[in-house]
Amino acid sequence: MNTAAIYVKTQPEVKEKAQKIAKIKRLRQFVKTKRAPLNVEEKPSKYLIESIKKSEEQLSKGQTSPAFDNAKDAIAWLEKQGV
């Protein structure tokens, strides 16, 4: 059976945790299904949740910036807004 190594640069503590989690069975399953299942258990921060809520409120009220064809127009609009 031919094998190949995969190299990724990361912090040493992340590498150690990944080595404990990764198993040959999972790598074979990845190749077979061409999918890498990820379990994200980290919860979004309070700041992120509030920012999303604010953005959704502004969107529902139509308080969004217009679409721009180029950066110059976008910058001019921002300057007009006092940003």
PDB file of N, CA and C in Angstrom:
ATOM      1  N   MET A   1       0.849  -1.185   0.000  1.00  0.00           N
ATOM      2  CA  MET A   1       0.000   0.000   0.000  1.00  0.00           C
ATOM      3  C   MET A   1       0.886   1.238   0.000  1.00  0.00           C
ATOM      4  N   ASN A   2       0.632   2.144  -0.921  1.00  0.00           N
ATOM      5  CA  ASN A   2       1.376   3.400  -0.972  1.00  0.00           C
ATOM      6  C   ASN A   2       0.795   4.376   0.033  1.00  0.00           C
ATOM      7  N   THR A   3       1.649   5.151   0.636  1.00  0.00           N
ATOM      8  CA  THR A   3       1.191   6.153   1.589  1.00  0.00           C
ATOM      9  C   THR A   3       1.845   7.487   1.260  1.00  0.00           C
ATOM     10  N   ALA A   4       1.259   8.541   1.769  1.00  0.00           N
ATOM     11  CA  ALA A   4       1.810   9.876   1.597  1.00  0.00           C
ATOM     12  C   ALA A   4       1.608  10.630   2.899  1.00  0.00           C
ATOM     13  N   ALA A   5       2.476  11.571   3.143  1.00  0.00           N
ATOM     14  CA  ALA A   5       2.373  12.380   4.357  1.00  0.00           C
ATOM     15  C   ALA A   5       1.691  13.702   4.027  1.00  0.00           C
ATOM     16  N   ILE A   6       0.933  14.194   4.990  1.00  0.00           N
ATOM     17  CA  ILE A   6       0.291  15.497   4.882  1.00  0.00           C
ATOM     18  C   ILE A   6       0.890  16.372   5.975  1.00  0.00           C
ATOM     19  N   TYR A   7       1.394  17.545   5.590  1.00  0.00           N
ATOM     20  CA  TYR A   7       2.027  18.435   6.551  1.00  0.00           C
ATOM     21  C   TYR A   7       1.216  19.726   6.685  1.00  0.00           C
ATOM     22  N   VAL A   8       0.990  20.139   7.924  1.00  0.00           N
ATOM     23  CA  VAL A   8       0.268  21.368   8.226  1.00  0.00           C
ATOM     24  C   VAL A   8       1.018  22.086   9.340  1.00  0.00           C
ATOM     25  N   LYS A   9       1.246  23.372   9.170  1.00  0.00           N
ATOM     26  CA  LYS A   9       1.889  24.141  10.232  1.00  0.00           C
ATOM     27  C   LYS A   9       0.835  24.592  11.227  1.00  0.00           C
ATOM     28  N   THR A  10       1.108  24.372  12.511  1.00  0.00           N
ATOM     29  CA  THR A  10       0.181  24.772  13.562  1.00  0.00           C
ATOM     30  C   THR A  10       0.940  24.883  14.878  1.00  0.00           C
ATOM     31  N   GLN A  11       0.268  25.336  15.892  1.00  0.00           N
ATOM     32  CA  GLN A  11       0.882  25.449  17.207  1.00  0.00           C
ATOM     33  C   GLN A  11       1.076  24.038  17.785  1.00  0.00           C
ATOM     34  N   PRO A  12       2.145  23.838  18.587  1.00  0.00           N
ATOM     35  CA  PRO A  12       2.428  22.522  19.150  1.00  0.00           C
ATOM     36  C   PRO A  12       1.267  21.921  19.948  1.00  0.00           C
ATOM     37  N   GLU A  13       0.569  22.744  20.722  1.00  0.00           N
ATOM     38  CA  GLU A  13      -0.534  22.201  21.521  1.00  0.00           C
ATOM     39  C   GLU A  13      -1.701  21.753  20.636  1.00  0.00           C
ATOM     40  N   VAL A  14      -1.905  22.461  19.521  1.00  0.00           N
ATOM     41  CA  VAL A  14      -2.960  22.065  18.583  1.00  0.00           C
ATOM     42  C   VAL A  14      -2.576  20.742  17.924  1.00  0.00           C
ATOM     43  N   LYS A  15      -1.310  20.607  17.575  1.00  0.00           N
ATOM     44  CA  LYS A  15      -0.820  19.373  16.955  1.00  0.00           C
ATOM     45  C   LYS A  15      -1.035  18.183  17.888  1.00  0.00           C
ATOM     46  N   GLU A  16      -0.698  18.348  19.147  1.00  0.00           N
ATOM     47  CA  GLU A  16      -0.850  17.250  20.103  1.00  0.00           C
ATOM     48  C   GLU A  16      -2.308  16.815  20.233  1.00  0.00           C
ATOM     49  N   LYS A  17      -3.204  17.785  20.313  1.00  0.00           N
ATOM     50  CA  LYS A  17      -4.621  17.459  20.421  1.00  0.00           C
ATOM     51  C   LYS A  17      -5.114  16.756  19.161  1.00  0.00           C
ATOM     52  N   ALA A  18      -4.677  17.242  17.998  1.00  0.00           N
ATOM     53  CA  ALA A  18      -5.106  16.651  16.733  1.00  0.00           C
ATOM     54  C   ALA A  18      -4.608  15.218  16.596  1.00  0.00           C
ATOM     55  N   GLN A  19      -3.388  14.960  17.045  1.00  0.00           N
ATOM     56  CA  GLN A  19      -2.842  13.611  16.969  1.00  0.00           C
ATOM     57  C   GLN A  19      -3.627  12.640  17.843  1.00  0.00           C
ATOM     58  N   LYS A  20      -4.105  13.115  18.981  1.00  0.00           N
ATOM     59  CA  LYS A  20      -4.893  12.259  19.865  1.00  0.00           C
ATOM     60  C   LYS A  20      -6.248  11.934  19.239  1.00  0.00           C
ATOM     61  N   ILE A  21      -6.811  12.910  18.521  1.00  0.00           N
ATOM     62  CA  ILE A  21      -8.144  12.741  17.945  1.00  0.00           C
ATOM     63  C   ILE A  21      -8.106  11.946  16.638  1.00  0.00           C
ATOM     64  N   ALA A  22      -7.120  12.252  15.804  1.00  0.00           N
ATOM     65  CA  ALA A  22      -7.059  11.636  14.472  1.00  0.00           C
ATOM     66  C   ALA A  22      -6.748  10.154  14.578  1.00  0.00           C
ATOM     67  N   LYS A  23      -7.454   9.365  13.831  1.00  0.00           N
ATOM     68  CA  LYS A  23      -7.233   7.932  13.790  1.00  0.00           C
ATOM     69  C   LYS A  23      -7.247   7.506  12.332  1.00  0.00           C
ATOM     70  N   ILE A  24      -6.560   6.421  12.030  1.00  0.00           N
ATOM     71  CA  ILE A  24      -6.492   5.917  10.665  1.00  0.00           C
ATOM     72  C   ILE A  24      -7.896   5.671  10.110  1.00  0.00           C
ATOM     73  N   LYS A  25      -8.773   5.180  10.934  1.00  0.00           N
ATOM     74  CA  LYS A  25     -10.151   4.916  10.507  1.00  0.00           C
ATOM     75  C   LYS A  25     -10.797   6.179   9.960  1.00  0.00           C
ATOM     76  N   ARG A  26     -10.580   7.289  10.627  1.00  0.00           N
ATOM     77  CA  ARG A  26     -11.169   8.547  10.174  1.00  0.00           C
ATOM     78  C   ARG A  26     -10.556   9.003   8.855  1.00  0.00           C
ATOM     79  N   LEU A  27      -9.258   8.825   8.699  1.00  0.00           N
ATOM     80  CA  LEU A  27      -8.622   9.216   7.449  1.00  0.00           C
ATOM     81  C   LEU A  27      -9.143   8.369   6.296  1.00  0.00           C
ATOM     82  N   ARG A  28      -9.309   7.072   6.534  1.00  0.00           N
ATOM     83  CA  ARG A  28      -9.850   6.203   5.484  1.00  0.00           C
ATOM     84  C   ARG A  28     -11.283   6.596   5.146  1.00  0.00           C
ATOM     85  N   GLN A  29     -12.076   6.929   6.156  1.00  0.00           N
ATOM     86  CA  GLN A  29     -13.450   7.362   5.929  1.00  0.00           C
ATOM     87  C   GLN A  29     -13.468   8.669   5.132  1.00  0.00           C
ATOM     88  N   PHE A  30     -12.527   9.562   5.429  1.00  0.00           N
ATOM     89  CA  PHE A  30     -12.421  10.822   4.698  1.00  0.00           C
ATOM     90  C   PHE A  30     -12.175  10.564   3.215  1.00  0.00           C
ATOM     91  N   VAL A  31     -11.250   9.659   2.918  1.00  0.00           N
ATOM     92  CA  VAL A  31     -10.936   9.336   1.524  1.00  0.00           C
ATOM     93  C   VAL A  31     -12.140   8.691   0.842  1.00  0.00           C
ATOM     94  N   LYS A  32     -12.793   7.799   1.549  1.00  0.00           N
ATOM     95  CA  LYS A  32     -13.934   7.073   0.982  1.00  0.00           C
ATOM     96  C   LYS A  32     -15.106   8.004   0.673  1.00  0.00           C
ATOM     97  N   THR A  33     -15.429   8.896   1.592  1.00  0.00           N
ATOM     98  CA  THR A  33     -16.602   9.763   1.435  1.00  0.00           C
ATOM     99  C   THR A  33     -16.274  11.133   0.848  1.00  0.00           C
ATOM    100  N   LYS A  34     -14.980  11.466   0.824  1.00  0.00           N
ATOM    101  CA  LYS A  34     -14.521  12.790   0.381  1.00  0.00           C
ATOM    102  C   LYS A  34     -15.154  13.901   1.212  1.00  0.00           C
ATOM    103  N   ARG A  35     -15.396  13.615   2.485  1.00  0.00           N
ATOM    104  CA  ARG A  35     -15.958  14.586   3.423  1.00  0.00           C
ATOM    105  C   ARG A  35     -15.189  14.517   4.734  1.00  0.00           C
ATOM    106  N   ALA A  36     -15.020  15.668   5.342  1.00  0.00           N
ATOM    107  CA  ALA A  36     -14.344  15.734   6.635  1.00  0.00           C
ATOM    108  C   ALA A  36     -15.342  16.262   7.659  1.00  0.00           C
ATOM    109  N   PRO A  37     -15.945  15.386   8.436  1.00  0.00           N
ATOM    110  CA  PRO A  37     -16.912  15.855   9.424  1.00  0.00           C
ATOM    111  C   PRO A  37     -16.226  16.666  10.516  1.00  0.00           C
ATOM    112  N   LEU A  38     -16.815  17.800  10.826  1.00  0.00           N
ATOM    113  CA  LEU A  38     -16.270  18.663  11.869  1.00  0.00           C
ATOM    114  C   LEU A  38     -17.344  18.894  12.917  1.00  0.00           C
ATOM    115  N   ASN A  39     -16.969  18.738  14.141  1.00  0.00           N
ATOM    116  CA  ASN A  39     -17.883  19.018  15.250  1.00  0.00           C
ATOM    117  C   ASN A  39     -17.431  20.312  15.902  1.00  0.00           C
ATOM    118  N   VAL A  40     -18.198  21.352  15.688  1.00  0.00           N
ATOM    119  CA  VAL A  40     -17.848  22.643  16.258  1.00  0.00           C
ATOM    120  C   VAL A  40     -18.691  22.835  17.507  1.00  0.00           C
ATOM    121  N   GLU A  41     -18.037  22.790  18.638  1.00  0.00           N
ATOM    122  CA  GLU A  41     -18.740  22.919  19.901  1.00  0.00           C
ATOM    123  C   GLU A  41     -18.581  24.294  20.526  1.00  0.00           C
ATOM    124  N   GLU A  42     -17.763  25.124  19.909  1.00  0.00           N
ATOM    125  CA  GLU A  42     -17.543  26.458  20.457  1.00  0.00           C
ATOM    126  C   GLU A  42     -18.763  27.335  20.203  1.00  0.00           C
ATOM    127  N   LYS A  43     -19.206  28.030  21.232  1.00  0.00           N
ATOM    128  CA  LYS A  43     -20.368  28.899  21.114  1.00  0.00           C
ATOM    129  C   LYS A  43     -19.912  30.283  20.665  1.00  0.00           C
ATOM    130  N   PRO A  44     -20.757  30.978  19.869  1.00  0.00           N
ATOM    131  CA  PRO A  44     -20.398  32.330  19.464  1.00  0.00           C
ATOM    132  C   PRO A  44     -20.383  33.255  20.674  1.00  0.00           C
ATOM    133  N   SER A  45     -19.541  34.269  20.611  1.00  0.00           N
ATOM    134  CA  SER A  45     -19.428  35.216  21.721  1.00  0.00           C
ATOM    135  C   SER A  45     -20.683  36.081  21.813  1.00  0.00           C
ATOM    136  N   LYS A  46     -20.873  36.688  22.974  1.00  0.00           N
ATOM    137  CA  LYS A  46     -22.006  37.588  23.191  1.00  0.00           C
ATOM    138  C   LYS A  46     -21.936  38.751  22.199  1.00  0.00           C
ATOM    139  N   TYR A  47     -20.723  39.247  21.940  1.00  0.00           N
ATOM    140  CA  TYR A  47     -20.532  40.346  20.991  1.00  0.00           C
ATOM    141  C   TYR A  47     -20.994  39.935  19.598  1.00  0.00           C
ATOM    142  N   LEU A  48     -20.629  38.731  19.165  1.00  0.00           N
ATOM    143  CA  LEU A  48     -21.025  38.267  17.833  1.00  0.00           C
ATOM    144  C   LEU A  48     -22.541  38.124  17.733  1.00  0.00           C
ATOM    145  N   ILE A  49     -23.157  37.551  18.749  1.00  0.00           N
ATOM    146  CA  ILE A  49     -24.610  37.380  18.747  1.00  0.00           C
ATOM    147  C   ILE A  49     -25.310  38.729  18.658  1.00  0.00           C
ATOM    148  N   GLU A  50     -24.865  39.710  19.455  1.00  0.00           N
ATOM    149  CA  GLU A  50     -25.461  41.045  19.429  1.00  0.00           C
ATOM    150  C   GLU A  50     -25.240  41.720  18.071  1.00  0.00           C
ATOM    151  N   SER A  51     -24.064  41.544  17.488  1.00  0.00           N
ATOM    152  CA  SER A  51     -23.772  42.140  16.181  1.00  0.00           C
ATOM    153  C   SER A  51     -24.676  41.562  15.105  1.00  0.00           C
ATOM    154  N   ILE A  52     -24.900  40.263  15.148  1.00  0.00           N
ATOM    155  CA  ILE A  52     -25.783  39.617  14.169  1.00  0.00           C
ATOM    156  C   ILE A  52     -27.209  40.127  14.331  1.00  0.00           C
ATOM    157  N   LYS A  53     -27.680  40.234  15.577  1.00  0.00           N
ATOM    158  CA  LYS A  53     -29.032  40.749  15.828  1.00  0.00           C
ATOM    159  C   LYS A  53     -29.183  42.173  15.286  1.00  0.00           C
ATOM    160  N   LYS A  54     -28.178  43.008  15.552  1.00  0.00           N
ATOM    161  CA  LYS A  54     -28.225  44.394  15.083  1.00  0.00           C
ATOM    162  C   LYS A  54     -28.252  44.441  13.556  1.00  0.00           C
ATOM    163  N   SER A  55     -27.438  43.620  12.925  1.00  0.00           N
ATOM    164  CA  SER A  55     -27.396  43.576  11.463  1.00  0.00           C
ATOM    165  C   SER A  55     -28.722  43.114  10.882  1.00  0.00           C
ATOM    166  N   GLU A  56     -29.335  42.115  11.509  1.00  0.00           N
ATOM    167  CA  GLU A  56     -30.633  41.629  11.040  1.00  0.00           C
ATOM    168  C   GLU A  56     -31.709  42.701  11.176  1.00  0.00           C
ATOM    169  N   GLU A  57     -31.683  43.457  12.278  1.00  0.00           N
ATOM    170  CA  GLU A  57     -32.639  44.545  12.478  1.00  0.00           C
ATOM    171  C   GLU A  57     -32.458  45.622  11.412  1.00  0.00           C
ATOM    172  N   GLN A  58     -31.205  45.991  11.158  1.00  0.00           N
ATOM    173  CA  GLN A  58     -30.937  47.017  10.146  1.00  0.00           C
ATOM    174  C   GLN A  58     -31.368  46.540   8.762  1.00  0.00           C
ATOM    175  N   LEU A  59     -31.132  45.290   8.468  1.00  0.00           N
ATOM    176  CA  LEU A  59     -31.520  44.737   7.173  1.00  0.00           C
ATOM    177  C   LEU A  59     -33.040  44.755   7.012  1.00  0.00           C
ATOM    178  N   SER A  60     -33.767  44.367   8.064  1.00  0.00           N
ATOM    179  CA  SER A  60     -35.228  44.343   7.991  1.00  0.00           C
ATOM    180  C   SER A  60     -35.824  45.744   7.846  1.00  0.00           C
ATOM    181  N   LYS A  61     -35.111  46.764   8.339  1.00  0.00           N
ATOM    182  CA  LYS A  61     -35.570  48.149   8.237  1.00  0.00           C
ATOM    183  C   LYS A  61     -35.069  48.837   6.963  1.00  0.00           C
ATOM    184  N   GLY A  62     -34.290  48.109   6.173  1.00  0.00           N
ATOM    185  CA  GLY A  62     -33.746  48.692   4.946  1.00  0.00           C
ATOM    186  C   GLY A  62     -32.601  49.644   5.190  1.00  0.00           C
ATOM    187  N   GLN A  63     -31.971  49.529   6.355  1.00  0.00           N
ATOM    188  CA  GLN A  63     -30.862  50.414   6.716  1.00  0.00           C
ATOM    189  C   GLN A  63     -29.527  49.791   6.289  1.00  0.00           C
ATOM    190  N   THR A  64     -29.378  49.599   4.993  1.00  0.00           N
ATOM    191  CA  THR A  64     -28.140  49.008   4.479  1.00  0.00           C
ATOM    192  C   THR A  64     -27.505  49.956   3.478  1.00  0.00           C
ATOM    193  N   SER A  65     -26.266  49.737   3.188  1.00  0.00           N
ATOM    194  CA  SER A  65     -25.588  50.563   2.198  1.00  0.00           C
ATOM    195  C   SER A  65     -26.002  50.100   0.804  1.00  0.00           C
ATOM    196  N   PRO A  66     -25.953  51.023  -0.168  1.00  0.00           N
ATOM    197  CA  PRO A  66     -26.284  50.635  -1.536  1.00  0.00           C
ATOM    198  C   PRO A  66     -25.166  49.783  -2.142  1.00  0.00           C
ATOM    199  N   ALA A  67     -25.473  49.146  -3.251  1.00  0.00           N
ATOM    200  CA  ALA A  67     -24.446  48.376  -3.963  1.00  0.00           C
ATOM    201  C   ALA A  67     -23.567  49.367  -4.739  1.00  0.00           C
ATOM    202  N   PHE A  68     -22.287  49.071  -4.826  1.00  0.00           N
ATOM    203  CA  PHE A  68     -21.350  49.953  -5.514  1.00  0.00           C
ATOM    204  C   PHE A  68     -20.688  49.214  -6.673  1.00  0.00           C
ATOM    205  N   ASP A  69     -20.406  49.965  -7.736  1.00  0.00           N
ATOM    206  CA  ASP A  69     -19.722  49.379  -8.888  1.00  0.00           C
ATOM    207  C   ASP A  69     -18.211  49.408  -8.729  1.00  0.00           C
ATOM    208  N   ASN A  70     -17.725  50.275  -7.829  1.00  0.00           N
ATOM    209  CA  ASN A  70     -16.271  50.365  -7.658  1.00  0.00           C
ATOM    210  C   ASN A  70     -15.959  50.932  -6.269  1.00  0.00           C
ATOM    211  N   ALA A  71     -14.714  50.823  -5.894  1.00  0.00           N
ATOM    212  CA  ALA A  71     -14.276  51.255  -4.567  1.00  0.00           C
ATOM    213  C   ALA A  71     -14.384  52.772  -4.396  1.00  0.00           C
ATOM    214  N   LYS A  72     -14.145  53.514  -5.464  1.00  0.00           N
ATOM    215  CA  LYS A  72     -14.200  54.973  -5.384  1.00  0.00           C
ATOM    216  C   LYS A  72     -15.589  55.440  -4.956  1.00  0.00           C
ATOM    217  N   ASP A  73     -16.629  54.853  -5.544  1.00  0.00           N
ATOM    218  CA  ASP A  73     -18.003  55.216  -5.172  1.00  0.00           C
ATOM    219  C   ASP A  73     -18.308  54.812  -3.732  1.00  0.00           C
ATOM    220  N   ALA A  74     -17.798  53.665  -3.319  1.00  0.00           N
ATOM    221  CA  ALA A  74     -18.022  53.199  -1.948  1.00  0.00           C
ATOM    222  C   ALA A  74     -17.370  54.147  -0.944  1.00  0.00           C
ATOM    223  N   ILE A  75     -16.159  54.564  -1.230  1.00  0.00           N
ATOM    224  CA  ILE A  75     -15.445  55.479  -0.340  1.00  0.00           C
ATOM    225  C   ILE A  75     -16.163  56.829  -0.270  1.00  0.00           C
ATOM    226  N   ALA A  76     -16.626  57.303  -1.416  1.00  0.00           N
ATOM    227  CA  ALA A  76     -17.350  58.578  -1.438  1.00  0.00           C
ATOM    228  C   ALA A  76     -18.624  58.481  -0.598  1.00  0.00           C
ATOM    229  N   TRP A  77     -19.342  57.357  -0.686  1.00  0.00           N
ATOM    230  CA  TRP A  77     -20.557  57.175   0.103  1.00  0.00           C
ATOM    231  C   TRP A  77     -20.225  57.150   1.589  1.00  0.00           C
ATOM    232  N   LEU A  78     -19.149  56.436   1.975  1.00  0.00           N
ATOM    233  CA  LEU A  78     -18.748  56.375   3.375  1.00  0.00           C
ATOM    234  C   LEU A  78     -18.384  57.753   3.917  1.00  0.00           C
ATOM    235  N   GLU A  79     -17.649  58.519   3.117  1.00  0.00           N
ATOM    236  CA  GLU A  79     -17.273  59.875   3.531  1.00  0.00           C
ATOM    237  C   GLU A  79     -18.500  60.750   3.716  1.00  0.00           C
ATOM    238  N   LYS A  80     -19.490  60.583   2.857  1.00  0.00           N
ATOM    239  CA  LYS A  80     -20.728  61.340   2.972  1.00  0.00           C
ATOM    240  C   LYS A  80     -21.486  60.968   4.244  1.00  0.00           C
ATOM    241  N   GLN A  81     -21.357  59.722   4.656  1.00  0.00           N
ATOM    242  CA  GLN A  81     -21.998  59.250   5.888  1.00  0.00           C
ATOM    243  C   GLN A  81     -21.254  59.698   7.131  1.00  0.00           C
ATOM    244  N   GLY A  82     -20.047  60.210   6.956  1.00  0.00           N
ATOM    245  CA  GLY A  82     -19.247  60.648   8.097  1.00  0.00           C
ATOM    246  C   GLY A  82     -18.474  59.511   8.743  1.00  0.00           C
ATOM    247  N   VAL A  83     -18.238  58.467   7.986  1.00  0.00           N
ATOM    248  CA  VAL A  83     -17.497  57.318   8.515  1.00  0.00           C
ATOM    249  C   VAL A  83     -16.022  57.491   8.281  1.00  0.00           C
TER     250      VAL A  83
END
